[in-house]
Amino acid sequence: MLIFENNSWQQEPLRFSLLSLLSSGQALFETIYYEQGVLYFWEEHLARLQNSLNDFQARVNWPDLKTIILTRLQNESAYRQARVKLICLLPLDRRNVKINAQHFLILVEAISPSQKEPAPLALKIFPTPYNEQAPLLQHKTINYGYHFYFRGLAQQQGFDDVLYVNKQGLLMETSIANIFGVKDGRLFTPPAEVGILPGTVRSVLVKELKAREALIHIDQLPQYDFFFVSSSVRELRFVRQIDGQKFAQRYLSQFKTLVANWEAIKRKYRQRFLSG
């Protein structure tokens, strides 16, 4: 087993087997927002990862990942805000696999303040490129190539991202975020059964802000006041346009109220995280 890396050949069987899994897309991952000593919604992220590992009947000897990450970042001024990607290498064709510390990778990328204040989004509708009943859709795997491909197609047409719809014309998700519609002050988001991967922030909004799961057909877009998307690092982003449907900027103030409510949720979580 040979690896050519850093301009030299190496012969490391263990490293070869792990890189082989990574290069073939056999891994689960979570992307976690870190800020000044807090890994936001750490428990929710880890629970989703654990649920996927349980489905594959993996036997996990968990390293203390939380301490590993916090110890490394606590004195790093360059990483006051960061994107933490936690990757677990997992052979998808096997069951009852033993997972230990060597199967985990952690990637940390600093985030600038400007990245936390993104502009409103324009989304381009695309038919979903996959069968929404595919079993791997319920797991967050590193098989994200098609998402980047379709996002690129949307950007070539002057949009920021893709918005997938299934064969019935029901809204699903963007390449990296869940979508919410707001109507008369109430929040609605597509249910898991349309073929989405429910995100951690989505789950928090459903619980804390009473967002309701609802089927949203593309023909119903004009019935909503506005839309926004949610993700762990970018958090909440206003959607100014979906295909040719534009949403009035007057709803930005209502969206900012949602963001303020979200920040209050984060403050409560921060206090709990730091005290426990």
C-alpha atoms as a PDB file:
ATOM      1  CA  MET A   1       0.000   0.000   0.000  1.00  0.00           C
ATOM      2  CA  LEU A   2       1.696   3.153  -1.242  1.00  0.00           C
ATOM      3  CA  ILE A   3       0.785   6.822  -0.871  1.00  0.00           C
ATOM      4  CA  PHE A   4       2.390   9.703  -2.764  1.00  0.00           C
ATOM      5  CA  GLU A   5       2.018  12.739  -0.509  1.00  0.00           C
ATOM      6  CA  ASN A   6       4.047  15.903   0.106  1.00  0.00           C
ATOM      7  CA  ASN A   7       6.212  15.065  -2.896  1.00  0.00           C
ATOM      8  CA  SER A   8       7.329  11.716  -1.510  1.00  0.00           C
ATOM      9  CA  TRP A   9       6.224   8.099  -1.412  1.00  0.00           C
ATOM     10  CA  GLN A  10       5.061   6.675   1.892  1.00  0.00           C
ATOM     11  CA  GLN A  11       4.104   3.189   2.977  1.00  0.00           C
ATOM     12  CA  GLU A  12       1.648   3.442   5.850  1.00  0.00           C
ATOM     13  CA  PRO A  13      -1.117   0.788   5.769  1.00  0.00           C
ATOM     14  CA  LEU A  14      -3.305   2.501   8.365  1.00  0.00           C
ATOM     15  CA  ARG A  15      -3.074   5.909   6.725  1.00  0.00           C
ATOM     16  CA  PHE A  16      -3.722   4.308   3.347  1.00  0.00           C
ATOM     17  CA  SER A  17      -6.929   2.657   4.554  1.00  0.00           C
ATOM     18  CA  LEU A  18      -8.217   5.904   6.076  1.00  0.00           C
ATOM     19  CA  LEU A  19      -7.370   7.995   3.011  1.00  0.00           C
ATOM     20  CA  SER A  20      -8.991   5.343   0.844  1.00  0.00           C
ATOM     21  CA  LEU A  21     -12.269   5.826   2.732  1.00  0.00           C
ATOM     22  CA  LEU A  22     -11.981   9.598   2.441  1.00  0.00           C
ATOM     23  CA  SER A  23     -11.199   9.541  -1.279  1.00  0.00           C
ATOM     24  CA  SER A  24     -14.223   7.333  -2.004  1.00  0.00           C
ATOM     25  CA  GLY A  25     -16.690   9.481  -0.068  1.00  0.00           C
ATOM     26  CA  GLN A  26     -17.101   7.073   2.826  1.00  0.00           C
ATOM     27  CA  ALA A  27     -17.391   9.449   5.742  1.00  0.00           C
ATOM     28  CA  LEU A  28     -19.931  11.312   7.831  1.00  0.00           C
ATOM     29  CA  PHE A  29     -19.439  14.916   8.882  1.00  0.00           C
ATOM     30  CA  GLU A  30     -20.835  17.791  10.925  1.00  0.00           C
ATOM     31  CA  THR A  31     -20.076  21.479  10.437  1.00  0.00           C
ATOM     32  CA  ILE A  32     -20.151  23.367  13.727  1.00  0.00           C
ATOM     33  CA  TYR A  33     -19.962  27.088  14.412  1.00  0.00           C
ATOM     34  CA  TYR A  34     -17.338  28.047  16.997  1.00  0.00           C
ATOM     35  CA  GLU A  35     -17.104  31.445  18.672  1.00  0.00           C
ATOM     36  CA  GLN A  36     -14.980  32.474  21.656  1.00  0.00           C
ATOM     37  CA  GLY A  37     -14.950  29.190  23.523  1.00  0.00           C
ATOM     38  CA  VAL A  38     -18.357  27.881  22.450  1.00  0.00           C
ATOM     39  CA  LEU A  39     -19.165  25.096  19.996  1.00  0.00           C
ATOM     40  CA  TYR A  40     -22.736  26.040  19.183  1.00  0.00           C
ATOM     41  CA  PHE A  41     -25.325  23.270  19.498  1.00  0.00           C
ATOM     42  CA  TRP A  42     -22.581  20.726  20.026  1.00  0.00           C
ATOM     43  CA  GLU A  43     -24.948  18.177  21.543  1.00  0.00           C
ATOM     44  CA  GLU A  44     -27.339  18.320  18.573  1.00  0.00           C
ATOM     45  CA  HIS A  45     -24.509  17.882  16.086  1.00  0.00           C
ATOM     46  CA  LEU A  46     -23.038  14.958  17.984  1.00  0.00           C
ATOM     47  CA  ALA A  47     -26.458  13.328  18.381  1.00  0.00           C
ATOM     48  CA  ARG A  48     -27.046  13.401  14.621  1.00  0.00           C
ATOM     49  CA  LEU A  49     -23.627  11.881  14.025  1.00  0.00           C
ATOM     50  CA  GLN A  50     -24.311   9.227  16.653  1.00  0.00           C
ATOM     51  CA  ASN A  51     -27.673   8.381  15.075  1.00  0.00           C
ATOM     52  CA  SER A  52     -26.021   7.775  11.710  1.00  0.00           C
ATOM     53  CA  LEU A  53     -23.319   5.628  13.292  1.00  0.00           C
ATOM     54  CA  ASN A  54     -26.029   3.651  15.068  1.00  0.00           C
ATOM     55  CA  ASP A  55     -27.781   3.015  11.752  1.00  0.00           C
ATOM     56  CA  PHE A  56     -24.550   1.490  10.470  1.00  0.00           C
ATOM     57  CA  GLN A  57     -24.205  -0.477  13.719  1.00  0.00           C
ATOM     58  CA  ALA A  58     -20.776   1.048  14.300  1.00  0.00           C
ATOM     59  CA  ARG A  59     -19.047   0.387  17.616  1.00  0.00           C
ATOM     60  CA  VAL A  60     -17.594   3.743  18.614  1.00  0.00           C
ATOM     61  CA  ASN A  61     -14.875   4.379  21.156  1.00  0.00           C
ATOM     62  CA  TRP A  62     -15.432   8.129  21.347  1.00  0.00           C
ATOM     63  CA  PRO A  63     -12.418  10.370  21.921  1.00  0.00           C
ATOM     64  CA  ASP A  64     -13.120  13.534  23.905  1.00  0.00           C
ATOM     65  CA  LEU A  65     -13.615  15.593  20.760  1.00  0.00           C
ATOM     66  CA  LYS A  66     -15.069  18.584  22.565  1.00  0.00           C
ATOM     67  CA  THR A  67     -12.021  18.960  24.814  1.00  0.00           C
ATOM     68  CA  ILE A  68      -9.647  18.335  21.909  1.00  0.00           C
ATOM     69  CA  ILE A  69     -11.186  21.181  19.910  1.00  0.00           C
ATOM     70  CA  LEU A  70     -11.629  23.668  22.751  1.00  0.00           C
ATOM     71  CA  THR A  71      -8.127  23.116  24.135  1.00  0.00           C
ATOM     72  CA  ARG A  72      -6.597  23.827  20.739  1.00  0.00           C
ATOM     73  CA  LEU A  73      -8.675  26.928  19.998  1.00  0.00           C
ATOM     74  CA  GLN A  74      -8.941  28.603  23.390  1.00  0.00           C
ATOM     75  CA  ASN A  75      -5.771  30.682  22.999  1.00  0.00           C
ATOM     76  CA  GLU A  76      -5.917  31.166  19.228  1.00  0.00           C
ATOM     77  CA  SER A  77      -6.834  34.793  18.575  1.00  0.00           C
ATOM     78  CA  ALA A  78      -6.990  34.092  14.834  1.00  0.00           C
ATOM     79  CA  TYR A  79      -9.848  31.656  15.462  1.00  0.00           C
ATOM     80  CA  ARG A  80     -12.246  33.722  17.557  1.00  0.00           C
ATOM     81  CA  GLN A  81     -14.894  32.691  15.033  1.00  0.00           C
ATOM     82  CA  ALA A  82     -14.406  29.483  13.103  1.00  0.00           C
ATOM     83  CA  ARG A  83     -15.990  26.770  11.030  1.00  0.00           C
ATOM     84  CA  VAL A  84     -15.221  23.395  12.627  1.00  0.00           C
ATOM     85  CA  LYS A  85     -15.738  20.400  10.374  1.00  0.00           C
ATOM     86  CA  LEU A  86     -15.846  17.119  12.263  1.00  0.00           C
ATOM     87  CA  ILE A  87     -15.369  14.121   9.946  1.00  0.00           C
ATOM     88  CA  CYS A  88     -15.850  10.480  10.870  1.00  0.00           C
ATOM     89  CA  LEU A  89     -14.430   7.979   8.380  1.00  0.00           C
ATOM     90  CA  LEU A  90     -16.831   5.062   8.002  1.00  0.00           C
ATOM     91  CA  PRO A  91     -16.903   2.145   5.528  1.00  0.00           C
ATOM     92  CA  LEU A  92     -20.449   2.383   4.181  1.00  0.00           C
ATOM     93  CA  ASP A  93     -20.465  -1.176   2.845  1.00  0.00           C
ATOM     94  CA  ARG A  94     -19.872  -2.770   6.250  1.00  0.00           C
ATOM     95  CA  ARG A  95     -21.656  -3.070   9.568  1.00  0.00           C
ATOM     96  CA  ASN A  96     -20.442  -3.540  13.135  1.00  0.00           C
ATOM     97  CA  VAL A  97     -17.216  -1.660  12.373  1.00  0.00           C
ATOM     98  CA  LYS A  98     -15.094  -0.478  15.282  1.00  0.00           C
ATOM     99  CA  ILE A  99     -14.561   3.299  15.205  1.00  0.00           C
ATOM    100  CA  ASN A 100     -11.890   4.955  17.342  1.00  0.00           C
ATOM    101  CA  ALA A 101      -9.849   8.157  17.495  1.00  0.00           C
ATOM    102  CA  GLN A 102      -7.955   7.489  14.270  1.00  0.00           C
ATOM    103  CA  HIS A 103     -11.230   7.577  12.296  1.00  0.00           C
ATOM    104  CA  PHE A 104     -11.916  11.217  13.212  1.00  0.00           C
ATOM    105  CA  LEU A 105     -10.597  14.248  11.359  1.00  0.00           C
ATOM    106  CA  ILE A 106     -11.114  17.844  12.488  1.00  0.00           C
ATOM    107  CA  LEU A 107     -10.763  20.771  10.087  1.00  0.00           C
ATOM    108  CA  VAL A 108     -10.868  24.332  11.437  1.00  0.00           C
ATOM    109  CA  GLU A 109     -11.255  27.409   9.240  1.00  0.00           C
ATOM    110  CA  ALA A 110     -11.260  30.950  10.601  1.00  0.00           C
ATOM    111  CA  ILE A 111     -14.263  33.121   9.722  1.00  0.00           C
ATOM    112  CA  SER A 112     -13.970  36.857   9.169  1.00  0.00           C
ATOM    113  CA  PRO A 113     -16.678  39.202  10.528  1.00  0.00           C
ATOM    114  CA  SER A 114     -17.742  40.031   6.954  1.00  0.00           C
ATOM    115  CA  GLN A 115     -18.565  36.376   6.337  1.00  0.00           C
ATOM    116  CA  LYS A 116     -21.051  36.511   9.208  1.00  0.00           C
ATOM    117  CA  GLU A 117     -23.034  39.336   7.575  1.00  0.00           C
ATOM    118  CA  PRO A 118     -23.851  37.950   4.132  1.00  0.00           C
ATOM    119  CA  ALA A 119     -26.059  39.690   1.586  1.00  0.00           C
ATOM    120  CA  PRO A 120     -29.591  38.442   0.796  1.00  0.00           C
ATOM    121  CA  LEU A 121     -29.740  35.442  -1.513  1.00  0.00           C
ATOM    122  CA  ALA A 122     -31.156  34.798  -4.964  1.00  0.00           C
ATOM    123  CA  LEU A 123     -32.055  31.132  -5.507  1.00  0.00           C
ATOM    124  CA  LYS A 124     -32.481  29.248  -8.788  1.00  0.00           C
ATOM    125  CA  ILE A 125     -34.945  26.359  -8.828  1.00  0.00           C
ATOM    126  CA  PHE A 126     -33.573  23.045 -10.090  1.00  0.00           C
ATOM    127  CA  PRO A 127     -35.197  19.605 -10.141  1.00  0.00           C
ATOM    128  CA  THR A 128     -33.575  17.399  -7.516  1.00  0.00           C
ATOM    129  CA  PRO A 129     -30.721  15.365  -9.054  1.00  0.00           C
ATOM    130  CA  TYR A 130     -31.411  12.319  -6.905  1.00  0.00           C
ATOM    131  CA  ASN A 131     -34.179  10.030  -5.746  1.00  0.00           C
ATOM    132  CA  GLU A 132     -35.544  11.663  -2.605  1.00  0.00           C
ATOM    133  CA  GLN A 133     -36.097   8.197  -1.121  1.00  0.00           C
ATOM    134  CA  ALA A 134     -32.403   7.275  -1.409  1.00  0.00           C
ATOM    135  CA  PRO A 135     -31.295   5.840   1.961  1.00  0.00           C
ATOM    136  CA  LEU A 136     -28.117   7.913   2.295  1.00  0.00           C
ATOM    137  CA  LEU A 137     -30.057  11.189   2.188  1.00  0.00           C
ATOM    138  CA  GLN A 138     -30.853  10.864   5.877  1.00  0.00           C
ATOM    139  CA  HIS A 139     -27.116  10.874   6.652  1.00  0.00           C
ATOM    140  CA  LYS A 140     -24.722  13.806   6.311  1.00  0.00           C
ATOM    141  CA  THR A 141     -22.000  12.210   4.193  1.00  0.00           C
ATOM    142  CA  ILE A 142     -19.136  13.914   2.372  1.00  0.00           C
ATOM    143  CA  ASN A 143     -20.688  13.045  -1.004  1.00  0.00           C
ATOM    144  CA  TYR A 144     -21.356  16.707  -1.795  1.00  0.00           C
ATOM    145  CA  GLY A 145     -19.953  16.926  -5.307  1.00  0.00           C
ATOM    146  CA  TYR A 146     -23.316  17.248  -7.043  1.00  0.00           C
ATOM    147  CA  HIS A 147     -24.336  20.057  -4.671  1.00  0.00           C
ATOM    148  CA  PHE A 148     -21.303  22.119  -5.693  1.00  0.00           C
ATOM    149  CA  TYR A 149     -21.958  21.290  -9.348  1.00  0.00           C
ATOM    150  CA  PHE A 150     -25.562  22.510  -9.304  1.00  0.00           C
ATOM    151  CA  ARG A 151     -24.693  25.536  -7.177  1.00  0.00           C
ATOM    152  CA  GLY A 152     -22.150  26.401  -9.858  1.00  0.00           C
ATOM    153  CA  LEU A 153     -24.827  26.135 -12.563  1.00  0.00           C
ATOM    154  CA  ALA A 154     -27.055  28.494 -10.580  1.00  0.00           C
ATOM    155  CA  GLN A 155     -24.211  30.977 -10.134  1.00  0.00           C
ATOM    156  CA  GLN A 156     -23.494  30.909 -13.868  1.00  0.00           C
ATOM    157  CA  GLN A 157     -27.059  32.165 -14.349  1.00  0.00           C
ATOM    158  CA  GLY A 158     -26.593  35.041 -11.906  1.00  0.00           C
ATOM    159  CA  PHE A 159     -28.013  33.390  -8.785  1.00  0.00           C
ATOM    160  CA  ASP A 160     -26.299  32.636  -5.485  1.00  0.00           C
ATOM    161  CA  ASP A 161     -27.439  29.067  -4.958  1.00  0.00           C
ATOM    162  CA  VAL A 162     -29.748  26.329  -6.136  1.00  0.00           C
ATOM    163  CA  LEU A 163     -33.139  25.514  -4.578  1.00  0.00           C
ATOM    164  CA  TYR A 164     -34.080  21.902  -5.212  1.00  0.00           C
ATOM    165  CA  VAL A 165     -37.658  20.789  -5.859  1.00  0.00           C
ATOM    166  CA  ASN A 166     -38.801  17.182  -6.052  1.00  0.00           C
ATOM    167  CA  LYS A 167     -40.853  15.548  -8.818  1.00  0.00           C
ATOM    168  CA  GLN A 168     -44.072  16.867  -7.285  1.00  0.00           C
ATOM    169  CA  GLY A 169     -42.774  20.445  -7.406  1.00  0.00           C
ATOM    170  CA  LEU A 170     -42.314  20.642  -3.635  1.00  0.00           C
ATOM    171  CA  LEU A 171     -39.534  22.774  -2.171  1.00  0.00           C
ATOM    172  CA  MET A 172     -36.668  20.806  -0.631  1.00  0.00           C
ATOM    173  CA  GLU A 173     -33.446  22.630   0.323  1.00  0.00           C
ATOM    174  CA  THR A 174     -30.508  24.538  -1.142  1.00  0.00           C
ATOM    175  CA  SER A 175     -27.085  23.039  -1.748  1.00  0.00           C
ATOM    176  CA  ILE A 176     -26.042  23.697   1.859  1.00  0.00           C
ATOM    177  CA  ALA A 177     -29.043  25.023   3.783  1.00  0.00           C
ATOM    178  CA  ASN A 178     -32.635  24.375   4.798  1.00  0.00           C
ATOM    179  CA  ILE A 179     -35.334  26.780   3.666  1.00  0.00           C
ATOM    180  CA  PHE A 180     -38.151  28.465   5.593  1.00  0.00           C
ATOM    181  CA  GLY A 181     -41.192  30.370   4.386  1.00  0.00           C
ATOM    182  CA  VAL A 182     -42.785  33.095   6.516  1.00  0.00           C
ATOM    183  CA  LYS A 183     -46.475  33.929   6.240  1.00  0.00           C
ATOM    184  CA  ASP A 184     -48.399  36.167   8.636  1.00  0.00           C
ATOM    185  CA  GLY A 185     -45.555  35.915  11.145  1.00  0.00           C
ATOM    186  CA  ARG A 186     -45.524  32.099  11.161  1.00  0.00           C
ATOM    187  CA  LEU A 187     -42.582  29.965  10.066  1.00  0.00           C
ATOM    188  CA  PHE A 188     -42.919  26.965   7.746  1.00  0.00           C
ATOM    189  CA  THR A 189     -40.269  24.531   6.511  1.00  0.00           C
ATOM    190  CA  PRO A 190     -40.392  21.424   4.278  1.00  0.00           C
ATOM    191  CA  PRO A 191     -40.642  18.103   6.155  1.00  0.00           C
ATOM    192  CA  ALA A 192     -37.962  15.421   5.999  1.00  0.00           C
ATOM    193  CA  GLU A 193     -40.100  13.143   3.832  1.00  0.00           C
ATOM    194  CA  VAL A 194     -39.701  15.373   0.761  1.00  0.00           C
ATOM    195  CA  GLY A 195     -36.056  14.287   0.677  1.00  0.00           C
ATOM    196  CA  ILE A 196     -34.158  16.827   2.766  1.00  0.00           C
ATOM    197  CA  LEU A 197     -31.468  16.465   5.395  1.00  0.00           C
ATOM    198  CA  PRO A 198     -32.868  18.312   8.446  1.00  0.00           C
ATOM    199  CA  GLY A 199     -30.141  20.617   9.710  1.00  0.00           C
ATOM    200  CA  THR A 200     -29.233  21.411  13.285  1.00  0.00           C
ATOM    201  CA  VAL A 201     -30.293  25.067  13.092  1.00  0.00           C
ATOM    202  CA  ARG A 202     -33.555  23.975  11.453  1.00  0.00           C
ATOM    203  CA  SER A 203     -34.212  21.640  14.380  1.00  0.00           C
ATOM    204  CA  VAL A 204     -33.553  24.438  16.880  1.00  0.00           C
ATOM    205  CA  LEU A 205     -35.930  26.798  15.043  1.00  0.00           C
ATOM    206  CA  VAL A 206     -38.651  24.148  14.973  1.00  0.00           C
ATOM    207  CA  LYS A 207     -38.258  23.673  18.718  1.00  0.00           C
ATOM    208  CA  GLU A 208     -37.626  27.215  19.923  1.00  0.00           C
ATOM    209  CA  LEU A 209     -39.558  29.380  17.439  1.00  0.00           C
ATOM    210  CA  LYS A 210     -42.347  26.863  16.784  1.00  0.00           C
ATOM    211  CA  ALA A 211     -41.609  26.588  13.059  1.00  0.00           C
ATOM    212  CA  ARG A 212     -44.062  24.168  11.473  1.00  0.00           C
ATOM    213  CA  GLU A 213     -43.304  21.489   8.907  1.00  0.00           C
ATOM    214  CA  ALA A 214     -45.395  21.999   5.768  1.00  0.00           C
ATOM    215  CA  LEU A 215     -45.357  21.042   2.112  1.00  0.00           C
ATOM    216  CA  ILE A 216     -44.586  24.110   0.001  1.00  0.00           C
ATOM    217  CA  HIS A 217     -45.250  23.863  -3.737  1.00  0.00           C
ATOM    218  CA  ILE A 218     -43.456  26.156  -6.170  1.00  0.00           C
ATOM    219  CA  ASP A 219     -46.852  27.528  -7.233  1.00  0.00           C
ATOM    220  CA  GLN A 220     -47.387  28.696  -3.639  1.00  0.00           C
ATOM    221  CA  LEU A 221     -44.351  30.999  -3.521  1.00  0.00           C
ATOM    222  CA  PRO A 222     -46.457  34.184  -3.954  1.00  0.00           C
ATOM    223  CA  GLN A 223     -48.529  33.197  -0.902  1.00  0.00           C
ATOM    224  CA  TYR A 224     -45.529  33.735   1.400  1.00  0.00           C
ATOM    225  CA  ASP A 225     -44.293  37.081   2.663  1.00  0.00           C
ATOM    226  CA  PHE A 226     -40.649  36.050   2.411  1.00  0.00           C
ATOM    227  CA  PHE A 227     -38.225  33.148   2.691  1.00  0.00           C
ATOM    228  CA  PHE A 228     -34.936  32.622   4.481  1.00  0.00           C
ATOM    229  CA  VAL A 229     -32.418  29.799   4.737  1.00  0.00           C
ATOM    230  CA  SER A 230     -30.641  28.328   7.750  1.00  0.00           C
ATOM    231  CA  SER A 231     -27.267  26.663   8.204  1.00  0.00           C
ATOM    232  CA  SER A 232     -24.871  26.119  11.090  1.00  0.00           C
ATOM    233  CA  VAL A 233     -22.222  28.676  10.134  1.00  0.00           C
ATOM    234  CA  ARG A 234     -24.068  31.250   8.006  1.00  0.00           C
ATOM    235  CA  GLU A 235     -27.072  30.844  10.311  1.00  0.00           C
ATOM    236  CA  LEU A 236     -30.072  32.811   8.926  1.00  0.00           C
ATOM    237  CA  ARG A 237     -30.028  34.509   5.509  1.00  0.00           C
ATOM    238  CA  PHE A 238     -32.808  36.464   3.846  1.00  0.00           C
ATOM    239  CA  VAL A 239     -33.913  35.267   0.394  1.00  0.00           C
ATOM    240  CA  ARG A 240     -34.609  38.197  -1.909  1.00  0.00           C
ATOM    241  CA  GLN A 241     -35.533  36.136  -4.974  1.00  0.00           C
ATOM    242  CA  ILE A 242     -36.519  32.592  -6.034  1.00  0.00           C
ATOM    243  CA  ASP A 243     -36.340  32.246  -9.808  1.00  0.00           C
ATOM    244  CA  GLY A 244     -38.403  35.205 -11.072  1.00  0.00           C
ATOM    245  CA  GLN A 245     -40.278  35.704  -7.796  1.00  0.00           C
ATOM    246  CA  LYS A 246     -38.875  38.641  -5.826  1.00  0.00           C
ATOM    247  CA  PHE A 247     -39.673  39.304  -2.176  1.00  0.00           C
ATOM    248  CA  ALA A 248     -40.286  42.801  -0.874  1.00  0.00           C
ATOM    249  CA  GLN A 249     -37.440  44.427   1.016  1.00  0.00           C
ATOM    250  CA  ARG A 250     -40.005  45.799   3.465  1.00  0.00           C
ATOM    251  CA  TYR A 251     -39.968  42.377   5.134  1.00  0.00           C
ATOM    252  CA  LEU A 252     -36.306  42.790   6.044  1.00  0.00           C
ATOM    253  CA  SER A 253     -37.320  44.389   9.345  1.00  0.00           C
ATOM    254  CA  GLN A 254     -39.429  41.332  10.174  1.00  0.00           C
ATOM    255  CA  PHE A 255     -36.511  39.112   9.225  1.00  0.00           C
ATOM    256  CA  LYS A 256     -34.212  41.121  11.497  1.00  0.00           C
ATOM    257  CA  THR A 257     -36.620  40.415  14.354  1.00  0.00           C
ATOM    258  CA  LEU A 258     -36.227  36.706  13.611  1.00  0.00           C
ATOM    259  CA  VAL A 259     -32.459  37.138  13.660  1.00  0.00           C
ATOM    260  CA  ALA A 260     -32.714  38.901  17.032  1.00  0.00           C
ATOM    261  CA  ASN A 261     -34.749  35.974  18.374  1.00  0.00           C
ATOM    262  CA  TRP A 262     -32.110  33.614  17.028  1.00  0.00           C
ATOM    263  CA  GLU A 263     -29.348  35.569  18.742  1.00  0.00           C
ATOM    264  CA  ALA A 264     -31.281  35.310  22.021  1.00  0.00           C
ATOM    265  CA  ILE A 265     -31.417  31.526  21.582  1.00  0.00           C
ATOM    266  CA  LYS A 266     -27.660  31.506  21.022  1.00  0.00           C
ATOM    267  CA  ARG A 267     -27.023  33.605  24.129  1.00  0.00           C
ATOM    268  CA  LYS A 268     -28.979  31.139  26.251  1.00  0.00           C
ATOM    269  CA  TYR A 269     -27.044  28.269  24.726  1.00  0.00           C
ATOM    270  CA  ARG A 270     -23.727  30.053  25.302  1.00  0.00           C
ATOM    271  CA  GLN A 271     -24.480  30.494  29.001  1.00  0.00           C
ATOM    272  CA  ARG A 272     -25.429  26.835  29.314  1.00  0.00           C
ATOM    273  CA  PHE A 273     -22.358  25.660  27.401  1.00  0.00           C
ATOM    274  CA  LEU A 274     -19.899  27.735  29.433  1.00  0.00           C
ATOM    275  CA  SER A 275     -21.488  26.822  32.760  1.00  0.00           C
ATOM    276  CA  GLY A 276     -21.606  23.114  32.099  1.00  0.00           C
END
